[in-house]
N, C-alpha and C. Protein backbone atom coordinates (compact mmCIF):
# COMPACT_ATOMS: atom_id res chain seq x y z
N UNK A 1 13.79 7.12 -28.26
CA UNK A 1 13.17 7.41 -26.98
C UNK A 1 12.81 6.04 -26.33
N UNK A 2 13.37 5.71 -25.15
CA UNK A 2 13.09 4.45 -24.48
C UNK A 2 11.67 4.38 -23.88
N UNK A 3 11.27 3.19 -23.52
CA UNK A 3 10.05 3.04 -23.12
C UNK A 3 9.92 3.61 -21.65
N UNK A 4 8.66 4.13 -21.21
CA UNK A 4 8.54 4.56 -19.93
C UNK A 4 8.63 3.49 -18.93
N UNK A 5 9.07 3.72 -17.53
CA UNK A 5 9.00 2.81 -16.49
C UNK A 5 7.45 2.61 -16.19
N UNK A 6 7.10 1.34 -16.02
CA UNK A 6 5.79 0.99 -15.58
C UNK A 6 5.67 1.08 -14.12
N UNK A 7 4.77 1.99 -13.66
CA UNK A 7 4.61 2.28 -12.18
C UNK A 7 3.22 2.00 -11.75
N UNK A 8 3.10 1.21 -10.62
CA UNK A 8 1.76 0.97 -9.91
C UNK A 8 2.00 1.57 -8.52
N UNK A 9 0.83 1.91 -7.98
CA UNK A 9 0.63 2.11 -6.50
C UNK A 9 -0.52 1.39 -6.14
N UNK A 10 -0.44 0.82 -4.87
CA UNK A 10 -1.58 0.01 -4.24
C UNK A 10 -1.91 0.45 -2.94
N UNK A 11 -3.04 0.28 -2.37
CA UNK A 11 -3.42 0.73 -1.10
C UNK A 11 -4.13 -0.58 -0.45
N UNK A 12 -3.42 -1.05 0.63
CA UNK A 12 -4.00 -2.15 1.37
C UNK A 12 -4.53 -1.70 2.70
N UNK A 13 -4.29 -2.21 3.80
CA UNK A 13 -4.80 -1.75 4.92
C UNK A 13 -4.09 -0.47 5.70
N UNK A 14 -4.73 0.71 5.30
CA UNK A 14 -4.22 1.83 5.84
C UNK A 14 -5.11 3.04 5.57
N UNK A 15 -4.59 4.18 5.75
CA UNK A 15 -5.47 5.40 5.64
C UNK A 15 -5.55 6.15 4.44
N UNK A 16 -4.76 5.91 3.50
CA UNK A 16 -4.47 6.54 2.20
C UNK A 16 -3.70 7.82 2.23
N UNK A 17 -2.99 8.12 3.50
CA UNK A 17 -2.20 9.11 3.73
C UNK A 17 -0.99 9.09 2.86
N UNK A 18 -0.47 7.99 2.52
CA UNK A 18 0.80 7.84 1.78
C UNK A 18 0.44 8.35 0.24
N UNK A 19 -0.72 7.84 -0.10
CA UNK A 19 -1.14 8.35 -1.48
C UNK A 19 -1.45 9.83 -1.56
N UNK A 20 -1.78 10.41 -0.43
CA UNK A 20 -2.12 11.76 -0.44
C UNK A 20 -0.82 12.53 -0.40
N UNK A 21 0.23 12.06 0.24
CA UNK A 21 1.62 12.68 0.18
C UNK A 21 2.08 12.55 -1.25
N UNK A 22 1.87 11.41 -2.03
CA UNK A 22 2.18 11.23 -3.41
C UNK A 22 1.60 12.37 -4.12
N UNK A 23 0.35 12.71 -3.95
CA UNK A 23 -0.33 13.85 -4.65
C UNK A 23 0.38 15.15 -4.25
N UNK A 24 1.03 15.30 -3.19
CA UNK A 24 1.71 16.35 -2.72
C UNK A 24 3.03 16.73 -3.47
N UNK A 25 3.38 15.87 -4.44
CA UNK A 25 4.41 16.02 -5.39
C UNK A 25 4.13 17.30 -6.25
N UNK A 26 2.85 17.75 -6.31
CA UNK A 26 2.47 18.79 -7.05
C UNK A 26 3.00 18.91 -8.42
N UNK A 27 3.64 20.02 -8.83
CA UNK A 27 4.11 20.05 -10.21
C UNK A 27 5.12 19.02 -10.56
N UNK A 28 5.71 18.39 -9.59
CA UNK A 28 6.69 17.36 -10.02
C UNK A 28 5.93 16.00 -10.58
N UNK A 29 4.60 16.08 -10.32
CA UNK A 29 3.89 14.90 -10.92
C UNK A 29 3.96 15.12 -12.37
N UNK A 30 3.89 16.29 -12.92
CA UNK A 30 4.03 16.50 -14.42
C UNK A 30 5.32 15.86 -15.02
N UNK A 31 6.48 16.20 -14.27
CA UNK A 31 7.67 15.60 -14.59
C UNK A 31 7.77 14.20 -14.55
N UNK A 32 7.10 13.62 -13.49
CA UNK A 32 7.08 12.08 -13.26
C UNK A 32 6.24 11.56 -14.38
N UNK A 33 5.20 12.17 -14.83
CA UNK A 33 4.28 11.60 -15.76
C UNK A 33 5.06 11.43 -17.16
N UNK A 34 6.00 12.28 -17.47
CA UNK A 34 6.82 12.15 -18.68
C UNK A 34 7.74 10.92 -18.57
N UNK A 35 7.99 10.49 -17.35
CA UNK A 35 8.94 9.37 -17.31
C UNK A 35 8.31 8.01 -16.96
N UNK A 36 7.14 8.00 -16.53
CA UNK A 36 6.52 6.69 -16.08
C UNK A 36 5.15 6.62 -16.64
N UNK A 37 4.70 5.33 -16.82
CA UNK A 37 3.26 5.02 -17.21
C UNK A 37 2.66 4.53 -15.95
N UNK A 38 1.61 5.23 -15.50
CA UNK A 38 0.80 4.70 -14.23
C UNK A 38 -0.08 3.60 -14.73
N UNK A 39 0.29 2.53 -14.41
CA UNK A 39 -0.48 1.26 -14.95
C UNK A 39 -1.62 0.93 -13.99
N UNK A 40 -1.44 1.17 -12.77
CA UNK A 40 -2.64 0.92 -11.83
C UNK A 40 -2.45 1.86 -10.63
N UNK A 41 -3.50 2.43 -10.10
CA UNK A 41 -3.34 3.20 -8.95
C UNK A 41 -4.80 3.68 -8.46
N UNK A 42 -4.97 3.74 -7.19
CA UNK A 42 -6.12 4.41 -6.76
C UNK A 42 -6.36 5.87 -7.09
N UNK A 43 -5.08 6.58 -7.50
CA UNK A 43 -5.09 7.90 -7.99
C UNK A 43 -5.68 8.07 -9.40
N UNK A 44 -5.60 7.08 -10.13
CA UNK A 44 -6.04 7.14 -11.54
C UNK A 44 -7.26 6.16 -11.71
N UNK A 45 -7.90 5.70 -10.70
CA UNK A 45 -9.15 4.85 -10.60
C UNK A 45 -8.99 3.65 -11.48
N UNK A 46 -7.79 2.99 -11.49
CA UNK A 46 -7.81 1.63 -12.16
C UNK A 46 -8.13 0.61 -10.98
N UNK A 47 -8.56 -0.46 -11.36
CA UNK A 47 -8.91 -1.60 -10.43
C UNK A 47 -7.90 -2.77 -10.45
N UNK A 48 -7.70 -3.36 -9.30
CA UNK A 48 -6.77 -4.28 -9.08
C UNK A 48 -7.09 -5.53 -9.89
N UNK A 49 -8.16 -5.81 -10.30
CA UNK A 49 -8.58 -7.07 -10.94
C UNK A 49 -7.52 -7.70 -11.82
N UNK A 50 -7.06 -6.85 -12.77
CA UNK A 50 -6.19 -7.28 -13.80
C UNK A 50 -4.76 -6.56 -13.52
N UNK A 51 -4.00 -6.97 -12.48
CA UNK A 51 -2.82 -6.32 -12.09
C UNK A 51 -1.72 -6.59 -13.37
N UNK A 52 -1.17 -5.67 -13.91
CA UNK A 52 -0.25 -5.88 -15.04
C UNK A 52 1.25 -6.17 -14.54
N UNK A 53 2.08 -6.60 -15.44
CA UNK A 53 3.52 -6.62 -15.22
C UNK A 53 4.04 -5.21 -15.12
N UNK A 54 4.68 -4.92 -14.15
CA UNK A 54 5.14 -3.54 -13.86
C UNK A 54 6.55 -3.65 -13.44
N UNK A 55 7.29 -2.37 -13.48
CA UNK A 55 8.64 -2.28 -13.12
C UNK A 55 8.63 -1.98 -11.57
N UNK A 56 7.84 -1.11 -11.10
CA UNK A 56 7.86 -0.61 -9.85
C UNK A 56 6.35 -0.52 -9.12
N UNK A 57 6.25 -1.10 -7.90
CA UNK A 57 4.93 -1.02 -7.23
C UNK A 57 5.21 -0.37 -5.90
N UNK A 58 4.59 0.76 -5.64
CA UNK A 58 4.51 1.29 -4.28
C UNK A 58 3.30 0.73 -3.48
N UNK A 59 3.49 -0.02 -2.44
CA UNK A 59 2.42 -0.60 -1.57
C UNK A 59 2.26 0.17 -0.31
N UNK A 60 1.21 0.75 -0.22
CA UNK A 60 0.81 1.40 0.99
C UNK A 60 -0.03 0.42 1.80
N UNK A 61 0.15 0.52 3.24
CA UNK A 61 -0.74 -0.16 4.08
C UNK A 61 -0.18 -1.54 4.55
N UNK A 62 -0.86 -1.97 5.59
CA UNK A 62 -0.30 -3.41 6.01
C UNK A 62 -1.29 -4.51 5.44
N UNK A 63 -1.02 -5.73 5.72
CA UNK A 63 -1.74 -6.76 5.36
C UNK A 63 -2.87 -7.14 6.45
N UNK A 64 -4.04 -6.91 6.20
CA UNK A 64 -5.17 -6.91 7.26
C UNK A 64 -6.19 -7.93 6.92
N UNK A 65 -6.24 -8.36 5.81
CA UNK A 65 -7.31 -9.38 5.32
C UNK A 65 -6.85 -10.33 4.34
N UNK A 66 -7.54 -11.40 4.05
CA UNK A 66 -7.06 -12.41 3.12
C UNK A 66 -6.98 -11.87 1.68
N UNK A 67 -7.80 -10.81 1.35
CA UNK A 67 -7.85 -10.16 0.02
C UNK A 67 -6.35 -9.45 -0.10
N UNK A 68 -5.82 -8.82 0.99
CA UNK A 68 -4.58 -8.19 0.92
C UNK A 68 -3.56 -9.24 0.68
N UNK A 69 -3.59 -10.41 1.42
CA UNK A 69 -2.64 -11.45 1.10
C UNK A 69 -2.59 -11.92 -0.23
N UNK A 70 -3.67 -12.16 -0.93
CA UNK A 70 -3.71 -12.48 -2.36
C UNK A 70 -3.13 -11.43 -3.18
N UNK A 71 -3.51 -10.09 -2.99
CA UNK A 71 -3.06 -9.03 -3.74
C UNK A 71 -1.47 -8.87 -3.54
N UNK A 72 -1.03 -8.97 -2.41
CA UNK A 72 0.43 -8.88 -2.25
C UNK A 72 1.30 -9.85 -3.04
N UNK A 73 0.75 -11.10 -2.92
CA UNK A 73 1.41 -12.19 -3.66
C UNK A 73 1.36 -11.89 -5.27
N UNK A 74 0.32 -11.38 -5.73
CA UNK A 74 0.19 -11.09 -7.15
C UNK A 74 1.13 -10.00 -7.44
N UNK A 75 1.17 -8.76 -6.66
CA UNK A 75 2.04 -7.67 -6.83
C UNK A 75 3.50 -8.28 -6.97
N UNK A 76 3.86 -9.10 -5.93
CA UNK A 76 5.30 -9.55 -5.97
C UNK A 76 5.60 -10.30 -7.19
N UNK A 77 4.69 -11.11 -7.75
CA UNK A 77 4.91 -11.88 -8.93
C UNK A 77 4.88 -11.24 -10.10
N UNK A 78 4.35 -9.95 -10.20
CA UNK A 78 4.27 -9.15 -11.41
C UNK A 78 5.03 -7.84 -11.33
N UNK A 79 5.84 -7.68 -10.31
CA UNK A 79 6.62 -6.41 -10.13
C UNK A 79 8.04 -6.70 -10.07
N UNK A 80 8.83 -5.93 -10.80
CA UNK A 80 10.33 -5.97 -10.68
C UNK A 80 10.83 -5.62 -9.38
N UNK A 81 10.21 -4.40 -8.96
CA UNK A 81 10.66 -3.85 -7.57
C UNK A 81 9.27 -3.65 -6.76
N UNK A 82 9.35 -4.02 -5.47
CA UNK A 82 8.21 -3.73 -4.62
C UNK A 82 8.73 -2.82 -3.38
N UNK A 83 8.07 -1.64 -3.25
CA UNK A 83 8.45 -0.78 -2.26
C UNK A 83 7.43 -0.73 -1.15
N UNK A 84 7.85 -0.95 0.10
CA UNK A 84 6.96 -0.87 1.34
C UNK A 84 6.76 0.76 1.51
N UNK A 85 5.52 1.19 1.11
CA UNK A 85 5.20 2.67 1.08
C UNK A 85 4.63 3.09 2.41
N UNK A 86 5.48 3.69 3.25
CA UNK A 86 4.92 4.15 4.50
C UNK A 86 5.09 3.11 5.69
N UNK A 87 4.74 3.63 6.95
CA UNK A 87 5.14 2.98 8.11
C UNK A 87 4.13 1.74 8.27
N UNK A 88 2.82 1.82 7.70
CA UNK A 88 2.00 0.64 7.92
C UNK A 88 2.70 -0.40 7.04
N UNK A 89 3.07 -0.27 5.94
CA UNK A 89 3.58 -1.24 5.02
C UNK A 89 5.02 -1.80 5.56
N UNK A 90 5.76 -0.84 6.21
CA UNK A 90 7.00 -1.18 6.78
C UNK A 90 6.89 -2.02 8.00
N UNK A 91 6.02 -1.47 8.92
CA UNK A 91 6.05 -2.18 10.30
C UNK A 91 4.64 -2.53 10.87
N UNK A 92 3.60 -2.31 10.13
CA UNK A 92 2.17 -2.53 10.56
C UNK A 92 1.60 -1.38 11.19
N UNK A 93 2.37 -0.52 11.80
CA UNK A 93 2.06 0.87 12.34
C UNK A 93 0.64 0.87 12.99
N UNK A 94 -0.08 1.81 12.73
CA UNK A 94 -1.37 2.06 13.30
C UNK A 94 -2.39 0.91 12.94
N UNK A 95 -2.29 0.32 11.69
CA UNK A 95 -3.18 -0.63 11.25
C UNK A 95 -2.96 -1.92 12.22
N UNK A 96 -1.76 -2.20 12.73
CA UNK A 96 -1.52 -3.32 13.60
C UNK A 96 -2.05 -3.07 14.90
N UNK A 97 -2.57 -2.01 15.27
CA UNK A 97 -2.99 -1.79 16.64
C UNK A 97 -4.19 -2.76 16.97
N UNK A 98 -4.94 -3.22 16.00
CA UNK A 98 -5.86 -4.19 16.06
C UNK A 98 -5.44 -5.64 16.48
N UNK A 99 -4.06 -5.76 16.45
CA UNK A 99 -3.49 -7.02 16.92
C UNK A 99 -3.78 -7.36 18.39
N UNK A 100 -4.17 -6.34 19.20
CA UNK A 100 -4.46 -6.38 20.54
C UNK A 100 -5.66 -7.15 20.80
N UNK A 101 -6.56 -7.34 19.80
CA UNK A 101 -7.87 -7.79 19.90
C UNK A 101 -8.02 -9.03 18.97
N UNK A 102 -8.92 -9.93 19.22
CA UNK A 102 -9.22 -11.06 18.37
C UNK A 102 -9.99 -10.50 17.17
N UNK A 103 -10.08 -11.31 16.13
CA UNK A 103 -10.97 -10.92 14.97
C UNK A 103 -12.34 -10.81 15.39
N UNK A 104 -12.86 -11.73 16.22
CA UNK A 104 -14.28 -11.60 16.66
C UNK A 104 -14.55 -10.37 17.45
N UNK A 105 -13.61 -9.95 18.22
CA UNK A 105 -13.86 -8.68 19.02
C UNK A 105 -13.84 -7.45 18.11
N UNK A 106 -12.99 -7.35 17.01
CA UNK A 106 -12.96 -6.33 16.13
C UNK A 106 -14.29 -6.26 15.25
N UNK A 107 -14.69 -7.55 14.87
CA UNK A 107 -15.91 -7.57 14.00
C UNK A 107 -17.18 -7.24 14.88
N UNK A 108 -17.36 -7.58 16.04
CA UNK A 108 -18.39 -7.28 16.97
C UNK A 108 -18.49 -5.74 17.33
N UNK A 109 -17.32 -5.23 17.49
CA UNK A 109 -17.19 -3.73 17.83
C UNK A 109 -17.69 -3.03 16.61
N UNK A 110 -17.14 -3.39 15.50
CA UNK A 110 -17.46 -2.59 14.10
C UNK A 110 -18.88 -2.74 13.69
N UNK A 111 -19.41 -3.99 13.75
CA UNK A 111 -20.69 -4.24 13.18
C UNK A 111 -21.95 -4.41 14.15
N UNK A 112 -21.56 -4.62 15.42
CA UNK A 112 -22.77 -4.74 16.43
C UNK A 112 -22.79 -3.64 17.47
N UNK A 113 -21.57 -3.44 18.12
CA UNK A 113 -21.67 -2.36 19.22
C UNK A 113 -21.70 -0.95 18.71
N UNK A 114 -21.21 -0.59 17.57
CA UNK A 114 -21.17 0.80 17.23
C UNK A 114 -22.15 1.15 16.07
N UNK A 115 -22.93 0.26 15.67
CA UNK A 115 -23.85 0.59 14.59
C UNK A 115 -25.21 1.18 15.19
N UNK A 116 -25.73 2.15 14.30
CA UNK A 116 -27.03 2.61 14.69
C UNK A 116 -28.07 1.64 14.44
N UNK A 117 -27.98 0.83 13.29
CA UNK A 117 -28.90 -0.20 13.04
C UNK A 117 -28.10 -1.46 13.11
N UNK A 118 -28.38 -2.37 14.05
CA UNK A 118 -27.58 -3.63 14.12
C UNK A 118 -28.33 -4.77 13.27
N UNK A 119 -27.45 -5.01 12.33
CA UNK A 119 -27.89 -6.17 11.49
C UNK A 119 -26.82 -7.28 11.78
N UNK A 120 -25.77 -7.14 12.41
CA UNK A 120 -24.88 -8.03 12.69
C UNK A 120 -23.73 -8.06 11.78
N UNK A 121 -22.63 -8.89 11.85
CA UNK A 121 -21.54 -9.01 11.11
C UNK A 121 -21.93 -9.47 9.73
N UNK A 122 -21.43 -8.79 8.64
CA UNK A 122 -21.87 -9.19 7.32
C UNK A 122 -21.26 -10.60 7.00
N UNK A 123 -22.10 -11.44 6.31
CA UNK A 123 -21.58 -12.70 5.87
C UNK A 123 -21.87 -13.01 4.54
N UNK A 124 -21.29 -13.96 3.88
CA UNK A 124 -21.61 -14.26 2.53
C UNK A 124 -21.13 -13.25 1.46
N UNK A 125 -21.03 -13.81 0.21
CA UNK A 125 -20.83 -12.95 -0.87
C UNK A 125 -19.43 -12.17 -0.72
N UNK A 126 -18.57 -12.42 0.19
CA UNK A 126 -17.41 -11.76 0.53
C UNK A 126 -17.61 -10.23 0.46
N UNK A 127 -18.62 -9.86 1.25
CA UNK A 127 -18.96 -8.43 1.41
C UNK A 127 -17.80 -7.79 2.14
N UNK A 128 -17.33 -8.34 3.18
CA UNK A 128 -16.25 -7.93 4.05
C UNK A 128 -15.20 -9.12 3.93
N UNK A 129 -13.97 -8.70 3.26
CA UNK A 129 -13.00 -9.74 3.17
C UNK A 129 -12.62 -10.18 4.67
N UNK A 130 -12.37 -11.52 4.75
CA UNK A 130 -12.10 -12.17 6.13
C UNK A 130 -10.69 -11.51 6.61
N UNK A 131 -10.74 -11.06 7.76
CA UNK A 131 -9.58 -10.60 8.46
C UNK A 131 -8.52 -11.61 8.78
N UNK A 132 -7.29 -11.32 8.60
CA UNK A 132 -6.26 -12.34 9.11
C UNK A 132 -6.14 -12.12 10.47
N UNK A 133 -5.73 -13.24 11.30
CA UNK A 133 -5.75 -13.19 12.72
C UNK A 133 -4.77 -12.06 13.26
N UNK A 134 -3.83 -11.70 12.61
CA UNK A 134 -2.87 -10.68 13.04
C UNK A 134 -2.55 -9.81 11.75
N UNK A 135 -2.55 -8.44 11.86
CA UNK A 135 -2.15 -7.67 10.90
C UNK A 135 -0.55 -7.67 10.70
N UNK A 136 -0.14 -7.65 9.46
CA UNK A 136 1.42 -7.86 9.32
C UNK A 136 1.99 -6.82 8.21
N UNK A 137 3.20 -6.50 8.53
CA UNK A 137 3.87 -5.60 7.53
C UNK A 137 4.25 -6.46 6.33
N UNK A 138 4.53 -5.82 5.20
CA UNK A 138 4.64 -6.55 3.87
C UNK A 138 5.72 -7.53 3.89
N UNK A 139 6.79 -7.19 4.53
CA UNK A 139 8.11 -8.07 4.42
C UNK A 139 7.83 -9.41 5.12
N UNK A 140 6.79 -9.52 6.02
CA UNK A 140 6.50 -10.93 6.71
C UNK A 140 5.95 -11.83 5.66
N UNK A 141 5.43 -11.32 4.42
CA UNK A 141 4.86 -12.19 3.47
C UNK A 141 5.60 -12.33 2.11
N UNK A 142 6.25 -11.27 1.74
CA UNK A 142 7.02 -11.27 0.39
C UNK A 142 8.31 -10.43 0.46
N UNK A 143 9.11 -10.68 -0.39
CA UNK A 143 10.54 -9.91 -0.41
C UNK A 143 10.17 -8.48 -0.82
N UNK A 144 10.73 -7.59 -0.09
CA UNK A 144 10.68 -6.11 -0.22
C UNK A 144 11.90 -5.69 -0.81
N UNK A 145 11.93 -4.77 -1.95
CA UNK A 145 13.14 -4.16 -2.33
C UNK A 145 13.58 -2.89 -1.70
N UNK A 146 12.63 -2.11 -1.34
CA UNK A 146 12.99 -0.77 -0.61
C UNK A 146 12.02 -0.58 0.33
N UNK A 147 12.28 0.21 1.40
CA UNK A 147 11.41 0.65 2.37
C UNK A 147 11.46 2.13 2.40
N UNK A 148 10.27 2.74 2.24
CA UNK A 148 10.04 4.18 2.45
C UNK A 148 9.22 4.51 3.63
N UNK A 149 10.02 4.82 4.77
CA UNK A 149 9.33 4.99 6.04
C UNK A 149 8.76 6.39 6.15
N UNK A 150 7.78 6.53 7.06
CA UNK A 150 7.11 7.88 7.27
C UNK A 150 5.61 7.63 7.49
N UNK A 151 4.95 8.50 8.18
CA UNK A 151 3.59 8.22 8.56
C UNK A 151 2.96 9.62 8.33
N UNK A 152 2.64 10.06 7.04
CA UNK A 152 3.03 9.29 5.81
C UNK A 152 4.53 9.90 5.42
N UNK A 153 5.17 9.30 4.54
CA UNK A 153 6.46 9.84 3.92
C UNK A 153 6.19 11.22 3.21
N UNK A 154 7.09 12.10 3.44
CA UNK A 154 6.84 13.41 2.71
C UNK A 154 7.00 13.30 1.23
N UNK A 155 6.52 14.23 0.62
CA UNK A 155 6.53 14.25 -0.78
C UNK A 155 7.96 14.31 -1.31
N UNK A 156 8.95 14.97 -0.57
CA UNK A 156 10.23 15.00 -0.96
C UNK A 156 10.89 13.65 -0.77
N UNK A 157 10.50 12.76 0.26
CA UNK A 157 11.01 11.48 0.42
C UNK A 157 10.59 10.57 -0.71
N UNK A 158 9.32 10.77 -1.17
CA UNK A 158 8.85 9.96 -2.12
C UNK A 158 9.53 10.35 -3.48
N UNK A 159 9.71 11.56 -3.61
CA UNK A 159 10.45 12.09 -4.85
C UNK A 159 11.83 11.57 -4.90
N UNK A 160 12.65 11.53 -3.95
CA UNK A 160 13.95 11.02 -3.75
C UNK A 160 13.90 9.55 -4.10
N UNK A 161 13.05 8.85 -3.56
CA UNK A 161 12.95 7.36 -3.88
C UNK A 161 12.69 7.05 -5.37
N UNK A 162 11.58 7.67 -5.86
CA UNK A 162 11.16 7.37 -7.18
C UNK A 162 12.17 7.90 -8.25
N UNK A 163 12.71 9.07 -8.06
CA UNK A 163 13.78 9.56 -9.02
C UNK A 163 14.99 8.77 -9.07
N UNK A 164 15.45 8.38 -7.82
CA UNK A 164 16.66 7.64 -7.74
C UNK A 164 16.50 6.25 -8.50
N UNK A 165 15.30 5.69 -8.31
CA UNK A 165 15.01 4.28 -9.08
C UNK A 165 15.00 4.64 -10.50
N UNK A 166 14.25 5.68 -10.90
CA UNK A 166 14.29 6.08 -12.49
C UNK A 166 15.68 6.33 -12.92
N UNK A 167 16.52 6.96 -12.19
CA UNK A 167 17.87 7.19 -12.68
C UNK A 167 18.84 6.15 -12.38
N UNK A 168 18.34 5.00 -11.91
CA UNK A 168 19.20 3.83 -11.79
C UNK A 168 20.40 4.09 -10.68
N UNK A 169 19.93 4.84 -9.63
CA UNK A 169 20.88 5.03 -8.44
C UNK A 169 20.21 4.53 -7.15
N UNK A 170 21.04 4.25 -6.11
CA UNK A 170 20.53 3.88 -4.89
C UNK A 170 19.83 4.98 -4.16
N UNK A 171 18.65 4.85 -3.71
CA UNK A 171 17.93 6.02 -2.91
C UNK A 171 18.71 6.21 -1.69
N UNK A 172 18.73 7.64 -1.41
CA UNK A 172 19.43 8.10 -0.10
C UNK A 172 18.20 8.44 0.87
N UNK A 173 17.78 7.31 1.54
CA UNK A 173 16.82 7.58 2.60
C UNK A 173 17.26 7.20 3.89
N UNK A 174 17.04 7.99 4.79
CA UNK A 174 17.49 7.62 6.21
C UNK A 174 16.39 6.83 6.88
N UNK A 175 16.86 6.03 7.77
CA UNK A 175 15.74 5.14 8.47
C UNK A 175 15.21 5.98 9.47
N UNK A 176 13.85 6.03 9.49
CA UNK A 176 13.03 6.68 10.62
C UNK A 176 11.68 6.13 10.57
N UNK A 177 11.02 6.43 11.73
CA UNK A 177 9.60 6.14 11.77
C UNK A 177 8.78 7.29 12.22
N UNK A 178 7.55 7.43 11.86
CA UNK A 178 6.68 8.54 12.24
C UNK A 178 6.74 9.80 11.34
């Protein structure tokens, strides 16, 4: 029996909808679990701190802060294949809507204008990771091996991609957004 494929999933700047669609694989998750080792994922409550060497990483979300930049470079260095998982990862999508505003405008709106108790923008101890000036899709920072579009991608599209990769064949994914 050969070793299982090491799979990781990561959530950057997004809504977690892609991970919810992953859970919509339903009973296919049992079949997938027989073929892969989930090394890191918000679905299994493992933490990013010690990202392992893996075969495949599905990365949900866009790059919105300096922590995401560091995570994405670590992911690329330790993953054989990196998949842009969903439209935020592929194009920036909803997360990139903040690109119409400066970082100061975003932080003031979030922490001063809309708070019931105004303490101001958190500072120190990296309570809130520093936002990058513009949200970016993954491919603007690292090489991406496959793009899984959709907001979120359906469970069937996720299944097609993952099983194609496990079977050593090219995924048959039409290009689309939304």
